[in-house]
Amino acid sequence: MAELHVRSVLVTGANRGIGLGLVKHFLQFRNPPERIFAACRDPKGEKAQELQQLASKHPSLVIIQLEVTDPTSIQAAAASVTEHLKGSGLNLLINNAGIVKWNSLDTETREEMSAVYDSNTIGPLLVSQAFLPLLKKAAQGSPTSELSCSRAAIINMSSSAGSVEEVYLWDLGQIISYRCSKAALNMLTKCQSLGYREHGILCAALHPGWVQTDMGTSSGLKPPLTMDVSVQGMLKVLCSLSEKDTGTFLNWEGKVVPW
């Protein structure tokens, strides 16, 4: 499989699930990124132990404290990454952190919908804003003018559950707040692609599939996709993204997902 060539990458929600899977695969590259920033809410907590063990073995892996619903935490994370990069830019930002609440139309609440929207939609907006200067720097320092993940990119982890046309797995769970938050994230991605194109930054939304993670299995059923299949597929897609793909919504196989 062709490998993605990036000097630096930051993954949010990197202590478990798809985020941790991405970090592991980046570390396994023949030519891994010089800096892999694994951001999570509680780097020293029990849920980050596997990430801590990886960091103890790989000097290129830097764990960053980042709570995507806390603007102060986001700014502190951006400052820390800036310091680690020592004057160079950030090539790839993967907004992966997210939550789900298993509420239906009848049981959805203001509080839980606000919490999900805060994490899944507002979080990626604020994180992208905070790291924009580093992404711009990477784009400006690139030897090519073509848009790509190797130059500078924002990848938002979305879901076909947020596709208005597909309404993926409706019979399995209505998860109203999650669906609405991902539909809004898709619009954010489109807006980012229009607003950041002039800065040389590619923006796209990715559907990883229904994956065997804590979130994926919270329905009580076993998802069809393993972590490795999903992550390998998504990394292959990231390799292939170019000018024509900015502002698109794709799945782990590179197929277009309808809005």
Protein backbone atom coordinates (compact mmCIF):
# COMPACT_ATOMS: atom_id res chain seq x y z
CA MET A 1 0.00 0.00 0.00
CA ALA A 2 1.22 3.49 -0.84
CA GLU A 3 2.17 5.46 2.24
CA LEU A 4 1.21 8.95 3.18
CA HIS A 5 4.27 11.19 3.39
CA VAL A 6 3.80 13.85 6.08
CA ARG A 7 6.34 15.41 8.39
CA SER A 8 3.78 16.03 11.13
CA VAL A 9 0.27 14.92 12.02
CA LEU A 10 -2.11 15.58 14.91
CA VAL A 11 -4.97 13.23 15.79
CA THR A 12 -7.62 14.19 18.33
CA GLY A 13 -9.31 11.54 20.45
CA ALA A 14 -6.15 9.48 20.05
CA ASN A 15 -6.25 7.43 23.24
CA ARG A 16 -8.68 4.80 21.94
CA GLY A 17 -10.76 3.62 19.01
CA ILE A 18 -10.07 4.95 15.54
CA GLY A 19 -7.78 7.69 16.86
CA LEU A 20 -5.48 5.17 18.53
CA GLY A 21 -5.66 2.97 15.44
CA LEU A 22 -4.49 5.85 13.26
CA VAL A 23 -1.58 6.60 15.61
CA LYS A 24 -0.47 2.95 15.57
CA HIS A 25 -0.53 2.81 11.78
CA PHE A 26 1.40 6.06 11.42
CA LEU A 27 4.08 4.61 13.70
CA GLN A 28 4.27 1.49 11.51
CA PHE A 29 4.97 3.43 8.31
CA ARG A 30 8.29 2.67 6.59
CA ASN A 31 8.85 6.43 6.69
CA PRO A 32 6.78 7.57 9.68
CA PRO A 33 6.07 11.25 10.34
CA GLU A 34 8.81 13.05 12.23
CA ARG A 35 6.19 14.18 14.73
CA ILE A 36 2.95 12.39 15.60
CA PHE A 37 0.84 14.38 18.05
CA ALA A 38 -1.70 12.21 19.85
CA ALA A 39 -4.23 14.47 21.54
CA CYS A 40 -6.66 13.27 24.20
CA ARG A 41 -8.64 14.58 27.15
CA ASP A 42 -6.66 12.87 29.93
CA PRO A 43 -3.15 11.79 28.81
CA LYS A 44 -2.28 10.37 32.24
CA GLY A 45 -5.59 8.61 32.79
CA GLU A 46 -6.43 4.92 32.74
CA LYS A 47 -7.95 5.15 29.25
CA ALA A 48 -4.66 6.45 27.83
CA GLN A 49 -2.38 3.69 29.14
CA GLU A 50 -1.85 2.06 25.74
CA LEU A 51 -1.01 5.43 24.27
CA GLN A 52 1.45 6.09 27.10
CA GLN A 53 3.17 2.76 26.42
CA LEU A 54 3.51 3.60 22.73
CA ALA A 55 4.99 7.01 23.55
CA SER A 56 7.59 5.41 25.84
CA LYS A 57 8.84 3.35 22.87
CA HIS A 58 8.57 5.96 20.11
CA PRO A 59 10.26 9.35 20.60
CA SER A 60 8.38 10.73 17.58
CA LEU A 61 5.05 10.27 19.39
CA VAL A 62 4.06 13.23 21.55
CA ILE A 63 0.94 13.05 23.72
CA ILE A 64 -0.92 16.35 23.97
CA GLN A 65 -3.65 17.21 26.49
CA LEU A 66 -6.65 18.44 24.54
CA GLU A 67 -10.30 18.72 25.52
CA VAL A 68 -12.07 19.74 22.30
CA THR A 69 -14.97 21.37 24.19
CA ASP A 70 -12.64 23.65 26.18
CA PRO A 71 -11.25 26.70 24.30
CA THR A 72 -8.50 27.19 26.90
CA SER A 73 -7.34 23.59 26.48
CA ILE A 74 -7.39 23.97 22.69
CA GLN A 75 -5.21 27.08 22.79
CA ALA A 76 -2.78 25.45 25.22
CA ALA A 77 -2.53 22.40 22.92
CA ALA A 78 -1.81 24.61 19.89
CA ALA A 79 0.91 26.42 21.84
CA SER A 80 2.49 23.12 22.90
CA VAL A 81 2.47 21.72 19.35
CA THR A 82 3.94 24.98 18.03
CA GLU A 83 6.78 24.66 20.52
CA HIS A 84 7.48 21.04 19.54
CA LEU A 85 7.50 21.85 15.83
CA LYS A 86 10.26 24.45 16.34
CA GLY A 87 9.29 26.77 13.51
CA SER A 88 7.89 24.25 11.03
CA GLY A 89 4.21 23.77 10.20
CA LEU A 90 1.63 21.04 10.81
CA ASN A 91 0.83 19.02 7.69
CA LEU A 92 -2.21 17.04 8.76
CA LEU A 93 -4.93 17.65 11.34
CA ILE A 94 -7.37 14.79 11.89
CA ASN A 95 -10.42 15.88 13.90
CA ASN A 96 -11.39 12.46 15.20
CA ALA A 97 -12.64 13.08 18.76
CA GLY A 98 -16.38 12.62 19.14
CA ILE A 99 -19.16 11.20 21.30
CA VAL A 100 -22.53 9.53 20.80
CA LYS A 101 -25.70 9.49 22.92
CA TRP A 102 -28.22 6.76 22.17
CA ASN A 103 -31.31 8.95 22.24
CA SER A 104 -34.37 8.74 20.01
CA LEU A 105 -36.68 11.48 18.78
CA ASP A 106 -38.77 10.92 21.89
CA THR A 107 -35.93 10.83 24.41
CA GLU A 108 -33.45 13.40 23.03
CA THR A 109 -32.77 16.25 25.46
CA ARG A 110 -31.46 19.78 25.14
CA GLU A 111 -28.53 18.99 27.43
CA GLU A 112 -27.36 15.87 25.62
CA MET A 113 -27.86 17.32 22.15
CA SER A 114 -25.83 20.37 23.18
CA ALA A 115 -23.06 18.17 24.59
CA VAL A 116 -22.83 16.07 21.41
CA TYR A 117 -22.89 19.13 19.14
CA ASP A 118 -20.24 20.79 21.32
CA SER A 119 -17.89 17.82 20.93
CA ASN A 120 -18.64 16.69 17.38
CA THR A 121 -19.15 19.99 15.54
CA ILE A 122 -18.00 23.01 17.55
CA GLY A 123 -14.88 21.15 18.73
CA PRO A 124 -13.54 20.53 15.20
CA LEU A 125 -14.30 24.15 14.29
CA LEU A 126 -12.32 25.56 17.23
CA VAL A 127 -9.47 23.05 16.92
CA SER A 128 -9.10 23.86 13.22
CA GLN A 129 -9.08 27.60 13.98
CA ALA A 130 -6.38 27.15 16.63
CA PHE A 131 -4.10 25.07 14.36
CA LEU A 132 -4.74 27.10 11.21
CA PRO A 133 -1.50 29.15 11.56
CA LEU A 134 0.54 25.91 11.67
CA LEU A 135 -1.35 24.45 8.71
CA LYS A 136 -0.77 27.65 6.73
CA LYS A 137 2.93 27.49 7.57
CA ALA A 138 3.13 23.91 6.32
CA ALA A 139 1.35 24.83 3.08
CA GLN A 140 3.62 27.83 2.51
CA GLY A 141 6.74 25.75 3.09
CA SER A 142 5.69 22.96 0.75
CA PRO A 143 7.63 22.46 -2.50
CA THR A 144 4.33 21.92 -4.37
CA SER A 145 1.34 24.19 -4.91
CA GLU A 146 -1.09 21.29 -5.36
CA LEU A 147 -3.53 20.48 -2.56
CA SER A 148 -2.78 17.23 -0.75
CA CYS A 149 -2.58 15.69 2.72
CA SER A 150 1.21 15.76 2.42
CA ARG A 151 1.12 19.54 2.03
CA ALA A 152 -1.57 20.66 4.50
CA ALA A 153 -4.99 19.20 5.27
CA ILE A 154 -7.88 19.09 7.72
CA ILE A 155 -9.68 15.75 7.82
CA ASN A 156 -12.92 15.66 9.78
CA MET A 157 -14.06 12.21 10.93
CA SER A 158 -17.71 12.14 10.00
CA SER A 159 -20.27 9.36 9.51
CA SER A 160 -22.84 8.18 7.01
CA ALA A 161 -25.20 8.46 9.98
CA GLY A 162 -25.05 12.19 9.23
CA SER A 163 -25.87 11.74 5.54
CA VAL A 164 -29.33 13.22 4.96
CA GLU A 165 -29.78 10.86 2.02
CA GLU A 166 -28.49 7.65 3.59
CA VAL A 167 -29.42 8.07 7.29
CA TYR A 168 -27.12 5.08 7.84
CA LEU A 169 -28.32 2.35 10.26
CA TRP A 170 -31.53 4.17 11.21
CA ASP A 171 -33.20 0.90 12.23
CA LEU A 172 -30.32 0.15 14.58
CA GLY A 173 -30.55 3.44 16.46
CA GLN A 174 -31.96 6.89 15.89
CA ILE A 175 -29.09 8.65 17.75
CA ILE A 176 -30.61 11.99 16.82
CA SER A 177 -27.96 14.29 18.31
CA TYR A 178 -25.12 12.29 16.73
CA ARG A 179 -26.72 12.36 13.28
CA CYS A 180 -27.41 16.09 13.48
CA SER A 181 -23.89 16.84 14.71
CA LYS A 182 -22.30 14.91 11.85
CA ALA A 183 -24.55 16.54 9.25
CA ALA A 184 -23.42 19.89 10.64
CA LEU A 185 -19.78 18.72 10.60
CA ASN A 186 -20.16 17.92 6.91
CA MET A 187 -21.31 21.47 6.22
CA LEU A 188 -18.40 22.78 8.29
CA THR A 189 -16.03 20.70 6.15
CA LYS A 190 -17.48 22.16 2.97
CA CYS A 191 -17.15 25.69 4.37
CA GLN A 192 -13.56 25.03 5.45
CA SER A 193 -12.70 23.74 1.98
CA LEU A 194 -13.95 27.00 0.46
CA GLY A 195 -12.38 29.25 3.07
CA TYR A 196 -9.00 27.56 3.34
CA ARG A 197 -8.34 26.64 -0.30
CA GLU A 198 -6.58 29.98 -0.84
CA HIS A 199 -4.18 29.05 1.97
CA GLY A 200 -3.28 25.74 0.28
CA ILE A 201 -5.18 23.60 2.79
CA LEU A 202 -7.22 20.59 1.64
CA CYS A 203 -10.35 19.79 3.67
CA ALA A 204 -12.44 16.61 3.52
CA ALA A 205 -14.87 14.55 5.60
CA LEU A 206 -14.33 10.80 6.05
CA HIS A 207 -16.75 8.04 7.01
CA PRO A 208 -14.65 5.26 8.63
CA GLY A 209 -17.45 2.71 8.36
CA TRP A 210 -19.12 0.88 11.23
CA VAL A 211 -16.01 -0.17 13.12
CA GLN A 212 -15.33 -2.55 16.01
CA THR A 213 -14.55 0.12 18.62
CA ASP A 214 -16.06 0.97 22.01
CA MET A 215 -18.34 3.46 20.28
CA GLY A 216 -19.11 1.10 17.41
CA THR A 217 -20.11 -1.77 19.69
CA SER A 218 -22.12 0.40 22.10
CA SER A 219 -25.23 -0.60 20.13
CA GLY A 220 -24.85 -4.13 21.48
CA LEU A 221 -24.11 -5.55 18.03
CA LYS A 222 -20.76 -6.43 16.43
CA PRO A 223 -19.82 -4.02 13.63
CA PRO A 224 -18.64 -5.58 10.35
CA LEU A 225 -15.34 -3.67 10.03
CA THR A 226 -12.18 -4.33 12.00
CA MET A 227 -10.05 -1.41 13.08
CA ASP A 228 -7.20 -2.38 10.76
CA VAL A 229 -9.39 -2.62 7.66
CA SER A 230 -10.96 0.77 8.34
CA VAL A 231 -7.72 2.59 9.19
CA GLN A 232 -5.74 1.06 6.33
CA GLY A 233 -8.52 2.02 3.96
CA MET A 234 -8.70 5.59 5.23
CA LEU A 235 -4.92 6.05 5.02
CA LYS A 236 -5.02 4.81 1.43
CA VAL A 237 -7.73 7.39 0.72
CA LEU A 238 -5.68 10.16 2.34
CA CYS A 239 -2.77 9.25 0.05
CA SER A 240 -4.93 9.80 -3.00
CA LEU A 241 -6.67 13.07 -2.07
CA SER A 242 -5.93 15.99 -4.39
CA GLU A 243 -7.34 19.31 -5.58
CA LYS A 244 -10.52 17.70 -6.91
CA ASP A 245 -11.29 16.09 -3.55
CA THR A 246 -11.30 19.13 -1.28
CA GLY A 247 -14.75 19.66 0.18
CA THR A 248 -15.87 16.08 -0.46
CA PHE A 249 -17.39 13.41 1.80
CA LEU A 250 -15.79 9.99 1.26
CA ASN A 251 -15.82 6.62 2.99
CA TRP A 252 -12.89 4.39 4.00
CA GLU A 253 -12.90 2.87 0.51
CA GLY A 254 -12.69 6.24 -1.24
CA LYS A 255 -16.30 6.14 -2.43
CA VAL A 256 -18.36 9.34 -2.37
CA VAL A 257 -20.94 9.45 0.43
CA PRO A 258 -24.06 11.47 -0.46
CA TRP A 259 -24.63 14.56 1.64
